Amino acid sequence: MVTEVDLESVWGQVLSYMEAELQRTSFETWLRRTQAVGLSGDTFDVAVPDAFAREWIEGRYRPLIENTLGKVLGRPVKVRFSVPAWKSEVAATVDGSPPMTLFDERPVSGSAPGVRSSPEIPFSAIQPVRHSPDTYLNPKYTFERFVVGNSNRFAHAAALAVAESPARSYNPLFLYGGVGLGKTHLMQAIGHHVSRRLPGMAVMYVTAETFTNEVINAIRDDRTMEFKNRYRNNDVLLIDDIQFIAGKERTQEEFFHTFEALHGSGRQIVISSDRPPKDIPTLEERLRSRCEWGLLADIQAPDLETRVAILRKKALQESLPVPDDVIMHIATHVQTNIRELEGALIRIVASASLDGCPISLPMATAALRDILPKRADRPVTLGDIQRAVSRHFSLTVDDLKGHSRARKVALPRQLAMYLCRELTGASLPRIGEEFGSRDHTTVLHACEKITRERKESAEIEQTLARLEHDLHEVVL
């Protein structure tokens, strides 16, 4: 058994090695606050700040950590990451109710005797109960209504970790991404989650523009102390679109002191912007550095699958009878952001309602004709389609032109012929010529077959939508 002193020494050596190997921000974010708590047999126990950090470290750094531990100890060991049980105790409410378990937190088994884990200073959840008089939270912006995809998975996980354990996980949390991608939704979801789970905490959501206007009004009306109390007496401050204060010296001054007061007293700060702190022009360096103290999480434009999921969830929530082919059509052609996706859906529903007709693909196409991005002058070519289909199915263009009748080749060939007929002005004989000098009747048969299967098979419909999406990007 390794003693407590040895544990600290061993883990200190591991951290020194990791600090040299990793980027500074990665090390500071994920490993700086870890602690060795035990060695039992071939298992080395390490305490991490929260469940999100545990998942992240296990997924990305476990092999390197185990390899380094093996070198330091002189024998192979397995590392086990755990969230200490005492972490949940700080969430006890002031009315004496039992502490709330914020994560799947279990005591570290096999810990060395005498290893002490002293809890950090409790955050303001155990201060006297306060509620902000106006939190400006939209009731629709909750975690339950947020659609998670590859483009926003990291930001969602970080936001949830902060909501579960304010000021314990990542402080500040800085969310950034383009317009309409879900930053405001995630920020307000944090506010709703904290208010529901920890009702004694004061939560405020505000835009940077509103913050700026209140600074101006406070100075004009000589109410600066009232302004300071309004913002500094919150346990969670959510400030949206921070790029708005760039270049506004007095506003930046007030936000800096608000940040210092909240962060210094263990309160949670969540900030959003349309770009990372380093790219915000005329933002004071001291503010830029503080925005980077915690965790930066970006949100990208949603991919096709996520766009489909967003539209389906919206239709379900609003009880809108939207067919799958219409959802596919919207998702394929509206690629910019969630706001425009939902706007397109609403436009179709409104058009159907006003015209008194059911929602269908033809009417949806007509309804969106004026708002969909225009194609470039260059039309889709037969070669574009052959390359897109062969790439999608991991084939070569020669495979499509060849004479194999194996389904893994025959079906992609038929799909390609169908798309050539639908998306180009080529004649059947011309298409047949491009697919290994096939007869035009073969092309006609393929087109009729895929037309039927598109209506009957969701898989075929999704495949075609994906291909049409890829081809759409080729010519834009």
Protein backbone atom coordinates (compact mmCIF):
# COMPACT_ATOMS: atom_id res chain seq x y z
CA MET A 1 0.00 0.00 0.00
CA VAL A 2 1.29 3.45 -0.92
CA THR A 3 1.17 6.07 1.81
CA GLU A 4 -0.61 9.40 1.53
CA VAL A 5 2.68 11.23 0.97
CA ASP A 6 3.68 8.76 -1.73
CA LEU A 7 0.32 9.19 -3.45
CA GLU A 8 0.79 12.92 -3.67
CA SER A 9 4.33 12.50 -4.96
CA VAL A 10 3.35 9.93 -7.57
CA TRP A 11 0.40 11.95 -8.85
CA GLY A 12 2.48 15.11 -8.80
CA GLN A 13 4.98 13.47 -11.16
CA VAL A 14 2.16 12.33 -13.44
CA LEU A 15 0.66 15.82 -13.54
CA SER A 16 4.04 17.36 -14.30
CA TYR A 17 4.41 15.04 -17.27
CA MET A 18 0.84 15.71 -18.47
CA GLU A 19 1.33 19.46 -18.17
CA ALA A 20 4.36 19.22 -20.45
CA GLU A 21 2.52 17.01 -22.97
CA LEU A 22 -0.82 18.83 -23.21
CA GLN A 23 -1.79 22.31 -24.25
CA ARG A 24 -1.98 24.64 -21.27
CA THR A 25 -5.73 25.24 -21.56
CA SER A 26 -6.44 21.49 -21.75
CA PHE A 27 -4.33 20.75 -18.69
CA GLU A 28 -5.78 23.60 -16.65
CA THR A 29 -9.35 22.71 -17.59
CA TRP A 30 -9.29 18.95 -17.08
CA LEU A 31 -6.38 17.85 -14.89
CA ARG A 32 -5.27 20.66 -12.59
CA ARG A 33 -8.02 19.98 -10.03
CA THR A 34 -7.60 16.21 -9.91
CA GLN A 35 -6.23 14.44 -6.82
CA ALA A 36 -4.85 10.98 -6.10
CA VAL A 37 -6.88 9.32 -3.35
CA GLY A 38 -5.84 5.67 -3.24
CA LEU A 39 -3.97 2.69 -4.58
CA SER A 40 -5.50 -0.74 -4.09
CA GLY A 41 -3.73 -3.60 -5.82
CA ASP A 42 -3.34 -2.60 -9.44
CA THR A 43 -5.98 0.16 -9.30
CA PHE A 44 -4.97 3.78 -8.80
CA ASP A 45 -7.88 5.99 -7.69
CA VAL A 46 -8.10 9.61 -8.78
CA ALA A 47 -10.75 12.13 -7.69
CA VAL A 48 -12.09 14.50 -10.36
CA PRO A 49 -14.31 17.58 -9.97
CA ASP A 50 -17.51 16.19 -11.54
CA ALA A 51 -19.04 13.52 -13.74
CA PHE A 52 -18.51 15.50 -16.93
CA ALA A 53 -14.78 15.83 -16.22
CA ARG A 54 -14.64 12.12 -15.44
CA GLU A 55 -16.17 11.21 -18.80
CA TRP A 56 -13.92 13.62 -20.68
CA ILE A 57 -10.68 12.49 -19.02
CA GLU A 58 -11.52 8.81 -19.40
CA GLY A 59 -12.30 9.24 -23.07
CA ARG A 60 -9.23 11.23 -23.99
CA TYR A 61 -6.43 10.92 -21.47
CA ARG A 62 -6.75 7.52 -19.78
CA PRO A 63 -4.11 5.68 -21.93
CA LEU A 64 -1.54 8.43 -21.50
CA ILE A 65 -2.20 8.68 -17.75
CA GLU A 66 -1.95 4.91 -17.24
CA ASN A 67 1.22 4.73 -19.27
CA THR A 68 2.78 7.56 -17.24
CA LEU A 69 1.65 6.01 -13.93
CA GLY A 70 3.23 2.73 -14.97
CA LYS A 71 6.56 4.47 -15.56
CA VAL A 72 6.44 6.32 -12.23
CA LEU A 73 5.42 3.25 -10.19
CA GLY A 74 7.55 0.79 -12.12
CA ARG A 75 4.61 -1.54 -12.79
CA PRO A 76 1.39 -1.46 -14.83
CA VAL A 77 -1.73 -0.09 -13.11
CA LYS A 78 -5.28 0.79 -14.06
CA VAL A 79 -6.58 4.23 -13.19
CA ARG A 80 -10.09 4.72 -11.81
CA PHE A 81 -11.69 8.18 -11.86
CA SER A 82 -14.41 9.02 -9.35
CA VAL A 83 -16.38 12.02 -8.12
CA PRO A 84 -16.01 12.21 -4.30
CA ALA A 85 -19.21 11.70 -2.34
CA TRP A 86 -18.70 14.90 -0.35
CA LYS A 87 -19.26 16.94 -3.51
CA SER A 88 -23.00 16.33 -3.23
CA GLU A 89 -23.17 17.63 0.31
CA VAL A 90 -22.62 21.25 -0.66
CA ALA A 91 -25.93 21.18 -2.50
CA ALA A 92 -27.89 20.95 0.75
CA THR A 93 -30.57 23.63 0.86
CA VAL A 94 -30.90 26.13 3.67
CA ASP A 95 -34.16 24.67 4.95
CA GLY A 96 -32.37 21.59 6.23
CA SER A 97 -33.54 19.18 3.54
CA PRO A 98 -31.21 16.28 2.62
CA PRO A 99 -28.36 17.08 0.26
CA MET A 100 -29.17 16.64 -3.40
CA THR A 101 -27.11 14.16 -5.41
CA LEU A 102 -25.98 16.09 -8.44
CA PHE A 103 -24.28 13.25 -10.29
CA ASP A 104 -23.77 9.53 -10.09
CA GLU A 105 -21.33 10.10 -7.25
CA ARG A 106 -19.94 7.11 -5.41
CA PRO A 107 -17.29 6.90 -2.70
CA VAL A 108 -13.93 5.84 -4.00
CA SER A 109 -13.48 2.20 -3.09
CA GLY A 110 -10.11 0.93 -2.02
CA SER A 111 -8.89 4.36 -0.89
CA ALA A 112 -5.76 4.44 1.17
CA PRO A 113 -6.35 4.92 4.94
CA GLY A 114 -5.66 8.43 6.07
CA VAL A 115 -6.18 10.04 2.68
CA ARG A 116 -8.22 13.16 3.32
CA SER A 117 -10.42 14.94 0.81
CA SER A 118 -11.22 18.35 2.23
CA PRO A 119 -14.23 19.96 0.58
CA GLU A 120 -13.72 23.35 -1.00
CA ILE A 121 -15.45 26.41 0.39
CA PRO A 122 -19.19 25.90 -0.12
CA PHE A 123 -20.68 28.04 -2.87
CA SER A 124 -23.53 30.41 -2.47
CA ALA A 125 -26.27 27.81 -2.67
CA ILE A 126 -26.09 27.67 1.11
CA GLN A 127 -26.36 31.42 1.49
CA PRO A 128 -29.72 32.85 2.63
CA VAL A 129 -32.50 32.21 0.12
CA ARG A 130 -32.80 34.87 -2.57
CA HIS A 131 -34.64 35.11 -5.85
CA SER A 132 -33.97 37.59 -8.61
CA PRO A 133 -37.16 39.58 -9.22
CA ASP A 134 -36.83 39.15 -12.99
CA THR A 135 -34.78 36.39 -14.57
CA TYR A 136 -36.09 36.82 -18.14
CA LEU A 137 -36.18 33.07 -18.80
CA ASN A 138 -38.21 31.78 -21.74
CA PRO A 139 -40.21 28.76 -20.51
CA LYS A 140 -39.53 26.91 -23.79
CA TYR A 141 -35.75 27.03 -23.39
CA THR A 142 -35.12 23.93 -21.28
CA PHE A 143 -32.73 21.01 -21.56
CA GLU A 144 -35.67 18.73 -22.32
CA ARG A 145 -36.48 20.70 -25.47
CA PHE A 146 -32.88 20.96 -26.67
CA VAL A 147 -31.92 18.60 -29.51
CA VAL A 148 -28.40 17.23 -29.06
CA GLY A 149 -26.26 16.41 -32.09
CA ASN A 150 -22.62 16.21 -33.05
CA SER A 151 -22.48 19.96 -33.56
CA ASN A 152 -23.51 20.87 -30.01
CA ARG A 153 -22.86 17.77 -27.89
CA PHE A 154 -19.87 19.20 -26.04
CA ALA A 155 -21.55 22.53 -25.27
CA HIS A 156 -24.69 20.73 -24.08
CA ALA A 157 -22.71 18.45 -21.75
CA ALA A 158 -20.79 21.40 -20.33
CA ALA A 159 -23.98 23.41 -19.78
CA LEU A 160 -25.63 20.47 -18.03
CA ALA A 161 -22.59 19.97 -15.80
CA VAL A 162 -22.72 23.63 -14.78
CA ALA A 163 -26.47 23.46 -14.16
CA GLU A 164 -26.07 20.40 -11.96
CA SER A 165 -23.25 21.91 -9.91
CA PRO A 166 -23.03 25.71 -10.20
CA ALA A 167 -19.57 27.22 -9.60
CA ARG A 168 -18.15 23.74 -9.10
CA SER A 169 -17.56 22.60 -12.64
CA TYR A 170 -16.52 25.31 -15.08
CA ASN A 171 -16.52 28.93 -14.02
CA PRO A 172 -17.00 30.85 -16.16
CA LEU A 173 -18.58 28.76 -18.90
CA PHE A 174 -18.16 30.55 -22.22
CA LEU A 175 -20.42 29.40 -25.07
CA TYR A 176 -19.75 30.69 -28.57
CA GLY A 177 -21.10 30.10 -32.06
CA GLY A 178 -23.01 31.72 -34.90
CA VAL A 179 -26.45 33.28 -34.75
CA GLY A 180 -29.39 30.95 -34.15
CA LEU A 181 -27.42 27.84 -33.15
CA GLY A 182 -28.78 27.43 -29.61
CA LYS A 183 -26.53 29.46 -27.30
CA THR A 184 -29.42 31.35 -25.73
CA HIS A 185 -31.41 28.11 -25.39
CA LEU A 186 -28.57 26.43 -23.48
CA MET A 187 -27.96 29.45 -21.25
CA GLN A 188 -31.60 29.72 -20.27
CA ALA A 189 -31.80 25.95 -19.82
CA ILE A 190 -29.09 26.32 -17.19
CA GLY A 191 -31.20 28.96 -15.47
CA HIS A 192 -34.33 26.80 -15.49
CA HIS A 193 -32.43 23.73 -14.25
CA VAL A 194 -30.77 25.57 -11.37
CA SER A 195 -34.02 27.25 -10.33
CA ARG A 196 -35.82 23.90 -10.33
CA ARG A 197 -33.12 21.88 -8.59
CA LEU A 198 -31.83 24.55 -6.22
CA PRO A 199 -34.74 26.94 -5.62
CA GLY A 200 -32.77 28.88 -3.00
CA MET A 201 -30.37 30.20 -5.61
CA ALA A 202 -30.82 33.59 -7.26
CA VAL A 203 -30.56 33.30 -11.05
CA MET A 204 -30.42 36.14 -13.57
CA TYR A 205 -30.33 35.98 -17.35
CA VAL A 206 -29.63 39.20 -19.23
CA THR A 207 -28.38 40.24 -22.64
CA ALA A 208 -25.23 42.34 -22.88
CA GLU A 209 -27.31 45.03 -24.55
CA THR A 210 -29.65 45.21 -21.56
CA PHE A 211 -26.65 45.22 -19.22
CA THR A 212 -25.21 48.16 -21.18
CA ASN A 213 -28.49 50.10 -21.08
CA GLU A 214 -28.76 49.56 -17.33
CA VAL A 215 -25.21 50.82 -16.83
CA ILE A 216 -26.10 53.99 -18.76
CA ASN A 217 -29.34 54.49 -16.84
CA ALA A 218 -27.66 53.90 -13.48
CA ILE A 219 -25.02 56.54 -14.23
CA ARG A 220 -27.59 59.01 -15.54
CA ASP A 221 -29.95 58.58 -12.58
CA ASP A 222 -27.20 58.27 -9.96
CA ARG A 223 -28.28 54.72 -9.03
CA THR A 224 -24.96 52.91 -9.39
CA MET A 225 -25.20 51.24 -5.98
CA GLU A 226 -28.63 49.86 -6.85
CA PHE A 227 -27.20 48.57 -10.13
CA LYS A 228 -24.30 46.85 -8.36
CA ASN A 229 -26.58 45.19 -5.83
CA ARG A 230 -28.91 44.00 -8.59
CA TYR A 231 -26.15 42.14 -10.42
CA ARG A 232 -23.84 41.11 -7.61
CA ASN A 233 -26.50 39.51 -5.43
CA ASN A 234 -27.00 36.59 -7.82
CA ASP A 235 -25.74 33.05 -7.47
CA VAL A 236 -25.88 32.43 -11.22
CA LEU A 237 -25.43 35.21 -13.77
CA LEU A 238 -26.11 34.37 -17.42
CA ILE A 239 -25.03 37.13 -19.80
CA ASP A 240 -25.79 36.71 -23.50
CA ASP A 241 -23.96 38.20 -26.52
CA ILE A 242 -21.02 39.62 -24.60
CA GLN A 243 -19.48 40.87 -27.86
CA PHE A 244 -21.97 43.75 -27.61
CA ILE A 245 -19.93 45.45 -24.86
CA ALA A 246 -16.72 45.52 -26.92
CA GLY A 247 -15.50 49.10 -27.26
CA LYS A 248 -17.83 50.39 -24.49
CA GLU A 249 -15.33 51.36 -21.81
CA ARG A 250 -17.67 52.10 -18.90
CA THR A 251 -19.76 49.01 -19.55
CA GLN A 252 -16.64 46.84 -19.66
CA GLU A 253 -15.48 48.44 -16.40
CA GLU A 254 -18.75 47.57 -14.66
CA PHE A 255 -18.82 44.06 -16.08
CA PHE A 256 -15.24 43.48 -14.96
CA HIS A 257 -16.06 44.42 -11.36
CA THR A 258 -19.28 42.39 -11.48
CA PHE A 259 -17.31 39.40 -12.75
CA GLU A 260 -14.70 39.84 -9.99
CA ALA A 261 -17.34 40.11 -7.27
CA LEU A 262 -19.26 37.04 -8.39
CA HIS A 263 -16.31 34.82 -9.27
CA GLY A 264 -14.43 35.82 -6.14
CA SER A 265 -17.33 34.77 -3.93
CA GLY A 266 -17.89 31.42 -5.65
CA ARG A 267 -20.85 32.36 -7.86
CA GLN A 268 -21.43 30.88 -11.32
CA ILE A 269 -21.00 32.99 -14.46
CA VAL A 270 -22.10 31.86 -17.93
CA ILE A 271 -21.27 33.99 -20.96
CA SER A 272 -22.13 33.68 -24.63
CA SER A 273 -20.76 35.29 -27.77
CA ASP A 274 -20.79 34.86 -31.52
CA ARG A 275 -17.02 34.23 -31.42
CA PRO A 276 -14.32 33.14 -28.96
CA PRO A 277 -12.90 35.79 -26.57
CA LYS A 278 -9.64 36.14 -28.51
CA ASP A 279 -11.59 37.17 -31.63
CA ILE A 280 -13.75 39.87 -30.00
CA PRO A 281 -12.31 43.21 -31.14
CA THR A 282 -11.74 46.02 -28.61
CA LEU A 283 -12.50 43.72 -25.67
CA GLU A 284 -10.21 44.65 -22.78
CA GLU A 285 -7.41 42.17 -22.21
CA ARG A 286 -8.34 41.68 -18.55
CA LEU A 287 -11.88 40.70 -19.58
CA ARG A 288 -10.61 38.49 -22.37
CA SER A 289 -8.38 36.56 -19.97
CA ARG A 290 -11.16 36.12 -17.43
CA CYS A 291 -13.53 34.80 -20.06
CA GLU A 292 -10.89 32.15 -20.79
CA TRP A 293 -10.42 31.16 -17.13
CA GLY A 294 -13.02 28.44 -17.27
CA LEU A 295 -14.26 26.33 -20.17
CA LEU A 296 -14.81 27.49 -23.75
CA ALA A 297 -17.39 25.45 -25.70
CA ASP A 298 -18.34 26.15 -29.29
CA ILE A 299 -21.54 25.29 -31.13
CA GLN A 300 -21.41 24.54 -34.85
CA ALA A 301 -24.14 24.59 -37.47
CA PRO A 302 -26.22 21.39 -37.20
CA ASP A 303 -25.60 18.54 -39.63
CA LEU A 304 -28.39 16.98 -41.69
CA GLU A 305 -29.34 14.37 -39.08
CA THR A 306 -29.54 16.98 -36.33
CA ARG A 307 -31.61 19.32 -38.53
CA VAL A 308 -34.08 16.50 -39.17
CA ALA A 309 -34.27 15.74 -35.45
CA ILE A 310 -34.85 19.42 -34.61
CA LEU A 311 -37.69 19.70 -37.10
CA ARG A 312 -39.32 16.46 -35.95
CA LYS A 313 -39.16 17.53 -32.32
CA LYS A 314 -40.58 20.95 -33.14
CA ALA A 315 -43.42 19.39 -35.12
CA LEU A 316 -44.16 16.97 -32.28
CA GLN A 317 -44.08 19.68 -29.60
CA GLU A 318 -46.40 21.93 -31.59
CA SER A 319 -48.63 19.05 -32.80
CA LEU A 320 -47.93 19.93 -36.44
CA PRO A 321 -48.88 17.29 -39.06
CA VAL A 322 -45.72 17.53 -41.15
CA PRO A 323 -44.84 14.54 -43.40
CA ASP A 324 -41.32 13.14 -43.33
CA ASP A 325 -40.60 14.10 -46.94
CA VAL A 326 -41.36 17.74 -46.11
CA ILE A 327 -39.08 17.62 -43.08
CA MET A 328 -36.35 16.14 -45.28
CA HIS A 329 -36.88 18.87 -47.84
CA ILE A 330 -36.49 21.62 -45.23
CA ALA A 331 -33.48 19.98 -43.60
CA THR A 332 -31.76 19.47 -46.94
CA HIS A 333 -32.17 23.04 -48.14
CA VAL A 334 -31.99 25.14 -44.94
CA GLN A 335 -28.50 24.58 -43.59
CA THR A 336 -27.60 27.81 -41.81
CA ASN A 337 -29.08 27.72 -38.31
CA ILE A 338 -31.90 26.48 -36.12
CA ARG A 339 -33.81 29.75 -36.22
CA GLU A 340 -34.14 29.61 -40.00
CA LEU A 341 -35.02 25.91 -39.86
CA GLU A 342 -37.93 26.56 -37.53
CA GLY A 343 -38.88 29.65 -39.51
CA ALA A 344 -39.17 27.57 -42.67
CA LEU A 345 -41.34 25.02 -40.86
CA ILE A 346 -43.65 27.72 -39.54
CA ARG A 347 -43.92 29.28 -43.00
CA ILE A 348 -45.05 25.96 -44.48
CA VAL A 349 -47.59 25.34 -41.74
CA ALA A 350 -48.96 28.88 -42.04
CA SER A 351 -49.20 28.59 -45.84
CA ALA A 352 -51.12 25.32 -45.57
CA SER A 353 -53.47 26.79 -42.98
CA LEU A 354 -54.19 29.93 -45.00
CA ASP A 355 -54.73 27.97 -48.22
CA GLY A 356 -56.82 25.33 -46.46
CA CYS A 357 -54.79 22.47 -47.88
CA PRO A 358 -52.84 19.59 -46.31
CA ILE A 359 -49.07 19.89 -45.99
CA SER A 360 -47.33 18.13 -48.87
CA LEU A 361 -43.96 18.26 -50.57
CA PRO A 362 -45.20 20.24 -53.62
CA MET A 363 -46.89 22.89 -51.48
CA ALA A 364 -43.85 23.04 -49.15
CA THR A 365 -41.56 23.57 -52.13
CA ALA A 366 -43.77 26.39 -53.34
CA ALA A 367 -44.00 27.97 -49.88
CA LEU A 368 -40.22 28.08 -49.49
CA ARG A 369 -39.33 29.07 -53.03
CA ASP A 370 -38.75 32.73 -52.10
CA ILE A 371 -36.61 32.10 -49.03
CA LEU A 372 -34.42 29.16 -50.02
CA PRO A 373 -30.90 30.02 -51.15
CA LYS A 374 -30.57 30.22 -54.91
CA ARG A 375 -28.40 27.67 -56.66
CA ALA A 376 -25.27 28.80 -58.41
CA ASP A 377 -25.28 29.15 -62.19
CA ARG A 378 -23.47 25.83 -62.64
CA PRO A 379 -26.03 23.01 -62.70
CA VAL A 380 -25.50 19.56 -61.20
CA THR A 381 -23.78 17.35 -63.74
CA LEU A 382 -23.92 13.61 -64.30
CA GLY A 383 -20.34 13.43 -63.10
CA ASP A 384 -21.25 15.28 -59.86
CA ILE A 385 -23.92 12.69 -59.16
CA GLN A 386 -21.69 9.72 -59.95
CA ARG A 387 -18.95 11.05 -57.66
CA ALA A 388 -21.36 11.84 -54.83
CA VAL A 389 -23.03 8.40 -54.96
CA SER A 390 -19.77 6.49 -55.22
CA ARG A 391 -18.32 8.47 -52.31
CA HIS A 392 -21.43 7.88 -50.18
CA PHE A 393 -21.33 4.11 -50.72
CA SER A 394 -17.51 3.80 -50.64
CA LEU A 395 -17.41 2.71 -54.28
CA THR A 396 -15.64 4.05 -57.36
CA VAL A 397 -17.23 5.68 -60.36
CA ASP A 398 -15.99 2.71 -62.40
CA ASP A 399 -18.04 0.43 -60.12
CA LEU A 400 -21.19 2.37 -61.07
CA LYS A 401 -20.31 2.12 -64.76
CA GLY A 402 -19.40 -1.56 -64.51
CA HIS A 403 -21.55 -4.65 -64.89
CA SER A 404 -21.67 -6.06 -61.35
CA ARG A 405 -25.18 -7.06 -60.29
CA ALA A 406 -24.32 -7.37 -56.59
CA ARG A 407 -26.81 -5.36 -54.52
CA LYS A 408 -24.03 -3.28 -52.92
CA VAL A 409 -23.32 -1.93 -56.42
CA ALA A 410 -26.66 -2.32 -58.22
CA LEU A 411 -28.68 -0.23 -55.74
CA PRO A 412 -26.23 2.72 -55.71
CA ARG A 413 -26.18 2.58 -59.54
CA GLN A 414 -29.99 2.77 -59.65
CA LEU A 415 -30.01 5.64 -57.15
CA ALA A 416 -27.46 7.50 -59.26
CA MET A 417 -29.54 6.98 -62.42
CA TYR A 418 -32.65 8.23 -60.61
CA LEU A 419 -30.84 11.36 -59.41
CA CYS A 420 -29.48 11.98 -62.89
CA ARG A 421 -33.02 11.92 -64.24
CA GLU A 422 -34.38 14.12 -61.41
CA LEU A 423 -31.61 16.71 -61.14
CA THR A 424 -30.33 17.12 -64.69
CA GLY A 425 -31.88 17.67 -68.08
CA ALA A 426 -30.13 14.62 -69.53
CA SER A 427 -32.15 12.19 -71.64
CA LEU A 428 -32.48 8.51 -70.77
CA PRO A 429 -30.11 7.43 -73.58
CA ARG A 430 -27.55 10.04 -72.44
CA ILE A 431 -27.73 8.76 -68.85
CA GLY A 432 -27.43 5.17 -70.05
CA GLU A 433 -24.33 6.08 -72.06
CA GLU A 434 -22.67 7.53 -68.91
CA PHE A 435 -23.36 4.30 -66.99
CA GLY A 436 -21.42 1.87 -69.12
CA SER A 437 -23.38 2.30 -72.38
CA ARG A 438 -26.55 0.84 -70.90
CA ASP A 439 -29.85 0.83 -72.80
CA HIS A 440 -32.33 3.61 -72.01
CA THR A 441 -34.88 1.05 -70.84
CA THR A 442 -32.49 0.01 -68.08
CA VAL A 443 -32.35 3.62 -66.89
CA LEU A 444 -36.15 3.90 -67.06
CA HIS A 445 -36.55 0.72 -65.01
CA ALA A 446 -34.12 2.05 -62.38
CA CYS A 447 -35.95 5.38 -62.14
CA GLU A 448 -39.36 3.74 -61.76
CA LYS A 449 -38.04 1.31 -59.15
CA ILE A 450 -36.44 4.05 -57.00
CA THR A 451 -39.54 6.25 -57.33
CA ARG A 452 -41.62 3.45 -55.76
CA GLU A 453 -39.05 2.63 -53.09
CA ARG A 454 -38.66 6.28 -52.09
CA LYS A 455 -42.31 6.33 -51.11
CA GLU A 456 -42.19 2.99 -49.29
CA SER A 457 -38.76 2.97 -47.64
CA ALA A 458 -37.62 5.53 -45.06
CA GLU A 459 -34.06 4.32 -45.55
CA ILE A 460 -34.15 5.05 -49.29
CA GLU A 461 -35.74 8.44 -48.63
CA GLN A 462 -33.04 9.36 -46.11
CA THR A 463 -30.27 8.18 -48.43
CA LEU A 464 -31.60 10.28 -51.30
CA ALA A 465 -32.02 13.29 -49.01
CA ARG A 466 -28.42 12.91 -47.89
CA LEU A 467 -27.20 12.67 -51.48
CA GLU A 468 -29.30 15.63 -52.59
CA HIS A 469 -27.87 17.60 -49.67
CA ASP A 470 -24.31 16.72 -50.69
CA LEU A 471 -25.00 17.67 -54.30
CA HIS A 472 -26.63 20.91 -53.20
CA GLU A 473 -23.40 21.90 -51.44
CA VAL A 474 -21.34 21.01 -54.51
CA VAL A 475 -23.04 23.64 -56.63
CA LEU A 476 -23.44 26.43 -54.07
